[in-house]
Protein backbone atom coordinates (compact mmCIF):
# COMPACT_ATOMS: atom_id res chain seq x y z
CA UNK A 1 -0.02 0.02 0.01
CA UNK A 2 1.32 3.45 -0.91
CA UNK A 3 0.40 6.71 0.87
CA UNK A 4 3.25 8.98 -0.10
CA UNK A 5 1.08 11.38 -2.09
CA UNK A 6 -2.17 13.19 -1.63
CA UNK A 7 -4.79 10.64 -2.60
CA UNK A 8 -7.19 13.28 -3.80
CA UNK A 9 -4.54 14.67 -6.17
CA UNK A 10 -3.75 11.16 -7.41
CA UNK A 11 -7.36 10.56 -8.38
CA UNK A 12 -7.97 14.00 -9.71
CA UNK A 13 -4.88 14.01 -11.85
CA UNK A 14 -5.69 10.55 -13.32
CA UNK A 15 -9.13 11.75 -14.41
CA UNK A 16 -7.86 15.11 -15.69
CA UNK A 17 -5.25 13.31 -17.85
CA UNK A 18 -7.97 11.09 -19.37
CA UNK A 19 -10.24 13.99 -20.14
CA UNK A 20 -7.49 16.06 -21.67
CA UNK A 21 -6.66 13.06 -23.90
CA UNK A 22 -10.29 13.11 -25.10
CA UNK A 23 -11.12 9.96 -23.12
CA UNK A 24 -14.16 9.90 -20.85
CA UNK A 25 -13.17 7.43 -18.15
CA UNK A 26 -16.73 6.22 -17.43
CA UNK A 27 -17.70 5.94 -21.08
CA UNK A 28 -17.49 2.64 -22.94
CA UNK A 29 -18.97 1.19 -26.09
CA UNK A 30 -18.41 -2.46 -25.29
CA UNK A 31 -20.05 -4.93 -22.87
CA UNK A 32 -17.17 -5.82 -20.60
CA UNK A 33 -19.16 -4.99 -17.49
CA UNK A 34 -18.12 -3.41 -14.18
CA UNK A 35 -14.60 -4.05 -12.86
CA UNK A 36 -14.39 -6.80 -10.29
CA UNK A 37 -11.87 -8.03 -7.73
CA UNK A 38 -10.74 -11.45 -8.91
CA UNK A 39 -10.47 -12.93 -5.45
CA UNK A 40 -13.58 -11.51 -3.71
CA UNK A 41 -15.61 -11.13 -6.89
CA UNK A 42 -16.83 -7.83 -5.45
CA UNK A 43 -17.49 -4.90 -7.77
CA UNK A 44 -15.26 -1.85 -7.72
CA UNK A 45 -17.65 1.09 -7.44
CA UNK A 46 -17.65 4.83 -6.89
CA UNK A 47 -14.27 6.44 -7.53
CA UNK A 48 -12.72 3.00 -8.30
CA UNK A 49 -15.23 2.45 -11.12
CA UNK A 50 -13.87 5.59 -12.76
CA UNK A 51 -10.23 4.60 -12.15
CA UNK A 52 -10.65 1.11 -13.67
CA UNK A 53 -13.12 1.70 -16.38
CA UNK A 54 -12.01 2.30 -20.01
CA UNK A 55 -8.84 0.38 -19.57
CA UNK A 56 -7.51 -1.55 -22.51
CA UNK A 57 -7.67 -5.03 -20.91
CA UNK A 58 -9.59 -8.15 -22.17
CA UNK A 59 -11.03 -8.94 -18.70
CA UNK A 60 -12.78 -6.95 -16.02
CA UNK A 61 -10.94 -8.65 -13.15
CA UNK A 62 -8.27 -7.04 -10.96
CA UNK A 63 -6.23 -8.05 -7.98
CA UNK A 64 -3.39 -6.83 -5.79
CA UNK A 65 0.15 -8.11 -5.94
CA UNK A 66 -0.32 -10.06 -2.74
CA UNK A 67 -3.63 -11.54 -3.92
CA UNK A 68 -1.83 -12.77 -7.08
CA UNK A 69 1.00 -14.15 -5.03
CA UNK A 70 -1.32 -15.93 -2.60
CA UNK A 71 -3.07 -17.57 -5.62
CA UNK A 72 0.30 -18.94 -6.76
CA UNK A 73 0.65 -16.49 -9.64
CA UNK A 74 3.07 -13.70 -10.52
CA UNK A 75 2.95 -10.37 -12.25
CA UNK A 76 4.13 -10.34 -15.87
CA UNK A 77 7.32 -8.28 -16.19
CA UNK A 78 6.74 -4.69 -17.27
CA UNK A 79 3.09 -4.56 -16.20
CA UNK A 80 1.93 -1.25 -14.75
CA UNK A 81 -0.48 -1.16 -11.79
CA UNK A 82 -3.50 1.05 -11.33
CA UNK A 83 -4.59 2.81 -8.10
CA UNK A 84 -7.77 2.02 -6.18
CA UNK A 85 -8.91 3.96 -3.16
CA UNK A 86 -10.47 2.99 0.15
CA UNK A 87 -11.45 4.64 3.44
CA UNK A 88 -9.49 3.64 6.50
CA UNK A 89 -10.86 4.44 9.96
CA UNK A 90 -8.24 6.10 12.14
CA UNK A 91 -8.63 6.11 15.93
CA UNK A 92 -7.04 8.82 18.01
CA UNK A 93 -7.25 8.93 21.84
CA UNK A 94 -7.90 12.31 23.40
CA UNK A 95 -4.83 13.74 25.08
CA UNK A 96 -6.58 14.60 28.32
CA UNK A 97 -8.60 11.38 28.38
CA UNK A 98 -7.05 8.31 26.65
CA UNK A 99 -10.28 6.41 27.13
CA UNK A 100 -12.11 8.87 24.89
CA UNK A 101 -11.26 7.90 21.30
CA UNK A 102 -12.04 9.91 18.24
CA UNK A 103 -12.55 8.09 14.96
CA UNK A 104 -12.55 9.56 11.51
CA UNK A 105 -12.13 8.21 7.95
CA UNK A 106 -8.94 8.77 5.95
CA UNK A 107 -8.69 8.26 2.22
CA UNK A 108 -5.96 5.79 1.24
CA UNK A 109 -5.00 3.91 -1.86
CA UNK A 110 -3.38 0.73 -2.98
CA UNK A 111 -2.57 -0.66 -6.37
CA UNK A 112 -4.01 -3.46 -8.49
CA UNK A 113 -3.16 -5.31 -11.69
CA UNK A 114 -5.53 -6.53 -14.34
CA UNK A 115 -5.80 -10.33 -14.33
CA UNK A 116 -4.38 -10.40 -17.88
CA UNK A 117 -1.16 -8.93 -16.48
CA UNK A 118 -0.60 -12.04 -14.38
CA UNK A 119 0.26 -15.70 -14.99
CA UNK A 120 -3.20 -16.57 -13.58
CA UNK A 121 -4.99 -15.33 -16.67
CA UNK A 122 -6.93 -17.88 -18.65
CA UNK A 123 -8.89 -16.18 -21.46
CA UNK A 124 -11.53 -18.93 -21.75
CA UNK A 125 -12.39 -18.60 -18.05
CA UNK A 126 -12.03 -14.95 -17.15
CA UNK A 127 -13.09 -12.72 -20.06
CA UNK A 128 -16.78 -12.54 -19.19
CA UNK A 129 -18.34 -10.76 -16.26
CA UNK A 130 -20.73 -13.28 -14.57
CA UNK A 131 -22.49 -10.61 -12.54
CA UNK A 132 -24.31 -8.91 -15.36
CA UNK A 133 -28.03 -8.29 -14.72
CA UNK A 134 -31.00 -7.66 -16.98
CA UNK A 135 -31.63 -3.98 -17.72
CA UNK A 136 -35.43 -4.14 -17.42
CA UNK A 137 -35.16 -6.00 -14.08
CA UNK A 138 -33.52 -2.92 -12.61
CA UNK A 139 -36.75 -0.95 -13.16
CA UNK A 140 -39.01 -3.84 -12.24
CA UNK A 141 -37.27 -4.56 -9.00
CA UNK A 142 -37.04 -1.02 -7.68
CA UNK A 143 -38.61 -0.46 -4.28
CA UNK A 144 -39.91 2.93 -5.40
CA UNK A 145 -40.76 3.00 -9.09
CA UNK A 146 -40.53 6.26 -11.08
CA UNK A 147 -43.28 7.63 -13.24
CA UNK A 148 -42.08 7.18 -16.84
CA UNK A 149 -43.89 8.84 -19.63
CA UNK A 150 -43.30 7.78 -23.21
CA UNK A 151 -45.44 10.37 -25.01
CA UNK A 152 -42.57 12.88 -25.53
CA UNK A 153 -39.87 13.35 -28.05
CA UNK A 154 -37.08 14.17 -25.69
CA UNK A 155 -35.35 12.71 -22.68
CA UNK A 156 -35.46 14.61 -19.34
CA UNK A 157 -36.49 14.46 -15.71
CA UNK A 158 -39.13 16.90 -14.57
CA UNK A 159 -38.27 17.98 -11.07
CA UNK A 160 -41.49 20.00 -10.73
CA UNK A 161 -43.78 17.14 -11.70
CA UNK A 162 -41.49 14.32 -10.67
CA UNK A 163 -41.56 12.17 -13.77
CA UNK A 164 -39.12 10.85 -16.35
CA UNK A 165 -39.72 11.57 -20.06
CA UNK A 166 -38.21 9.10 -22.50
CA UNK A 167 -39.51 8.11 -25.98
CA UNK A 168 -40.51 4.53 -26.63
CA UNK A 169 -37.69 2.10 -27.38
CA UNK A 170 -38.72 1.82 -31.06
CA UNK A 171 -37.76 5.49 -31.57
CA UNK A 172 -34.13 4.86 -30.59
CA UNK A 173 -31.39 3.56 -32.84
CA UNK A 174 -30.91 0.56 -30.48
CA UNK A 175 -32.29 -0.83 -27.23
CA UNK A 176 -28.88 -0.04 -25.70
CA UNK A 177 -29.37 3.64 -26.55
CA UNK A 178 -32.81 3.54 -24.97
CA UNK A 179 -31.61 2.11 -21.70
CA UNK A 180 -28.53 4.32 -21.47
CA UNK A 181 -30.87 7.36 -21.87
CA UNK A 182 -33.33 6.01 -19.34
CA UNK A 183 -30.58 5.28 -16.82
CA UNK A 184 -29.23 8.83 -17.17
CA UNK A 185 -32.66 10.32 -16.33
CA UNK A 186 -33.19 7.80 -13.57
CA UNK A 187 -30.07 9.01 -11.82
CA UNK A 188 -31.47 12.56 -12.01
CA UNK A 189 -34.77 11.22 -10.56
CA UNK A 190 -32.94 10.00 -7.39
CA UNK A 191 -31.80 13.59 -6.71
CA UNK A 192 -35.31 14.78 -5.91
CA UNK A 193 -35.98 16.33 -2.47
CA UNK A 194 -38.24 13.28 -2.02
CA UNK A 195 -35.27 10.95 -2.30
CA UNK A 196 -31.58 11.76 -2.06
CA UNK A 197 -32.03 15.54 -2.02
CA UNK A 198 -29.04 16.24 -4.27
CA UNK A 199 -30.34 19.55 -5.60
CA UNK A 200 -32.63 22.28 -4.48
CA UNK A 201 -35.44 23.08 -6.89
CA UNK A 202 -34.68 26.79 -6.29
CA UNK A 203 -31.00 26.44 -7.09
CA UNK A 204 -30.33 26.00 -10.77
CA UNK A 205 -27.05 27.79 -11.23
CA UNK A 206 -24.59 26.67 -13.86
CA UNK A 207 -22.22 25.04 -11.39
CA UNK A 208 -24.98 22.90 -9.76
CA UNK A 209 -26.34 21.81 -13.13
CA UNK A 210 -22.89 20.86 -14.35
CA UNK A 211 -22.17 18.86 -11.20
CA UNK A 212 -25.55 17.09 -11.50
CA UNK A 213 -24.86 16.19 -15.09
CA UNK A 214 -21.56 14.64 -14.01
CA UNK A 215 -23.31 12.60 -11.32
CA UNK A 216 -25.89 11.37 -13.87
CA UNK A 217 -23.17 10.49 -16.37
CA UNK A 218 -21.14 8.48 -13.86
CA UNK A 219 -24.26 6.80 -12.33
CA UNK A 220 -25.77 5.84 -15.71
CA UNK A 221 -22.43 4.52 -16.94
CA UNK A 222 -22.30 2.30 -13.88
CA UNK A 223 -25.79 0.91 -14.58
CA UNK A 224 -24.85 0.38 -18.20
CA UNK A 225 -21.74 -1.50 -17.23
CA UNK A 226 -23.73 -3.59 -14.68
CA UNK A 227 -26.24 -4.59 -17.39
CA UNK A 228 -23.77 -5.09 -20.20
CA UNK A 229 -25.21 -2.21 -22.25
CA UNK A 230 -23.12 -0.29 -24.74
CA UNK A 231 -23.06 3.21 -23.40
CA UNK A 232 -22.88 4.83 -26.79
CA UNK A 233 -25.09 7.85 -26.15
CA UNK A 234 -22.98 10.81 -25.07
CA UNK A 235 -24.38 13.78 -23.25
CA UNK A 236 -25.67 16.80 -25.12
CA UNK A 237 -23.05 19.55 -25.60
CA UNK A 238 -20.44 17.07 -24.33
CA UNK A 239 -17.50 19.34 -25.20
CA UNK A 240 -18.85 22.18 -23.15
CA UNK A 241 -19.45 19.92 -20.17
CA UNK A 242 -15.95 18.43 -20.35
CA UNK A 243 -14.34 21.88 -20.39
CA UNK A 244 -16.38 22.91 -17.43
CA UNK A 245 -15.51 19.74 -15.56
CA UNK A 246 -11.82 20.18 -16.32
CA UNK A 247 -11.91 23.75 -14.99
CA UNK A 248 -13.58 22.51 -11.76
CA UNK A 249 -11.25 19.54 -11.38
CA UNK A 250 -8.23 21.79 -11.64
CA UNK A 251 -9.62 24.04 -8.90
CA UNK A 252 -11.05 21.33 -6.58
CA UNK A 253 -9.22 18.03 -6.13
CA UNK A 254 -12.23 16.57 -4.32
CA UNK A 255 -14.74 17.38 -7.11
CA UNK A 256 -14.58 14.04 -8.96
CA UNK A 257 -14.60 11.99 -5.78
CA UNK A 258 -17.66 13.93 -4.54
CA UNK A 259 -19.46 13.25 -7.85
CA UNK A 260 -18.51 9.60 -7.87
CA UNK A 261 -19.77 9.28 -4.32
CA UNK A 262 -23.14 10.92 -5.14
CA UNK A 263 -23.41 8.69 -8.23
CA UNK A 264 -22.78 5.57 -6.19
CA UNK A 265 -25.48 6.59 -3.70
CA UNK A 266 -27.94 7.05 -6.57
CA UNK A 267 -27.09 3.64 -7.99
CA UNK A 268 -27.47 2.06 -4.55
CA UNK A 269 -30.88 3.73 -4.16
CA UNK A 270 -32.01 2.38 -7.53
CA UNK A 271 -30.80 -1.12 -6.84
CA UNK A 272 -32.07 -1.16 -3.30
CA UNK A 273 -28.65 -1.59 -1.76
CA UNK A 274 -28.35 -0.47 1.82
CA UNK A 275 -25.81 2.29 2.44
C-alpha cells in the first residue's frame, strides 16, 4: 500500500489526464461490465469504477500483488499497476482522556493489476463478467418506481412534476441507446428532494447543473456496465461539459470523488442496496 502522495490529487490528476486526452473514463462502447476483484468477486464502485473503467484489458478482473502471489501467480514483467482507493478508519485517543477515542475516515489507496497482467490469466475462463443483470429487471425490482412517460420526443427528468420523459424504445437507434438514456434520467430522478435531495429546486445555477450532469453521467455509466449495455449515447453539448468539468477539477481536487460518491448513492438507491 502506498500513501506517499495526496490521494485526492492522485485520483484527480488521473481523471484530468484522461479527459485532456479526449477519453471519458466512465464511457465505454463495449459490454465488458463493471470491474471486479478477482479474489472476492466484489465490484469496484464509486471512484474506483472511474479509475478502472475504460482500460485496455480483455477482462474486468483485478487483484493486488499479494492476492496474485497468494493464488500462486506472478505479475508479468513490465506490467503497470492502477490505483484504487479506500477509506481507513483512524482512531485517536484524546490527550486529556485516553479512554475517549475519536474516529474519522482517511482516504488511502493501494494498487491493483488486471488479471491479464498475471500468470493466472486464462482467457476462456475470465473474459466474461458473470454478474451482469437484466436492464429491465432494474426498473421492475425497484422499491420505489419512477413515473415514466413515453409520449414525448425528448429525454429529461421533470423535477417540478417528478416524472421521467423518455421516448418509446422503437424510436431509438438501439435498445442499448434507450436504456442508457433511461438510466441517465433515472439518476437525475434520485436527486429529488423526496429521495436523495441532491439539488434544491430553487438552485439551478450553472455550477450545480454541471455537477448534477456529471453525477448522472457516472451513475448511468455504472448501470450500463452492470447490465452489459453499450453506453454509446454521449451527453448533449459534451465538449462544453468536459471543459467545465476540467476547470472545476483543476480548482477542486475533491470534485470528482464527490461526484462519484453521489453517483454511487444514486445507483445504490435504484438497486435497493443499503448504504
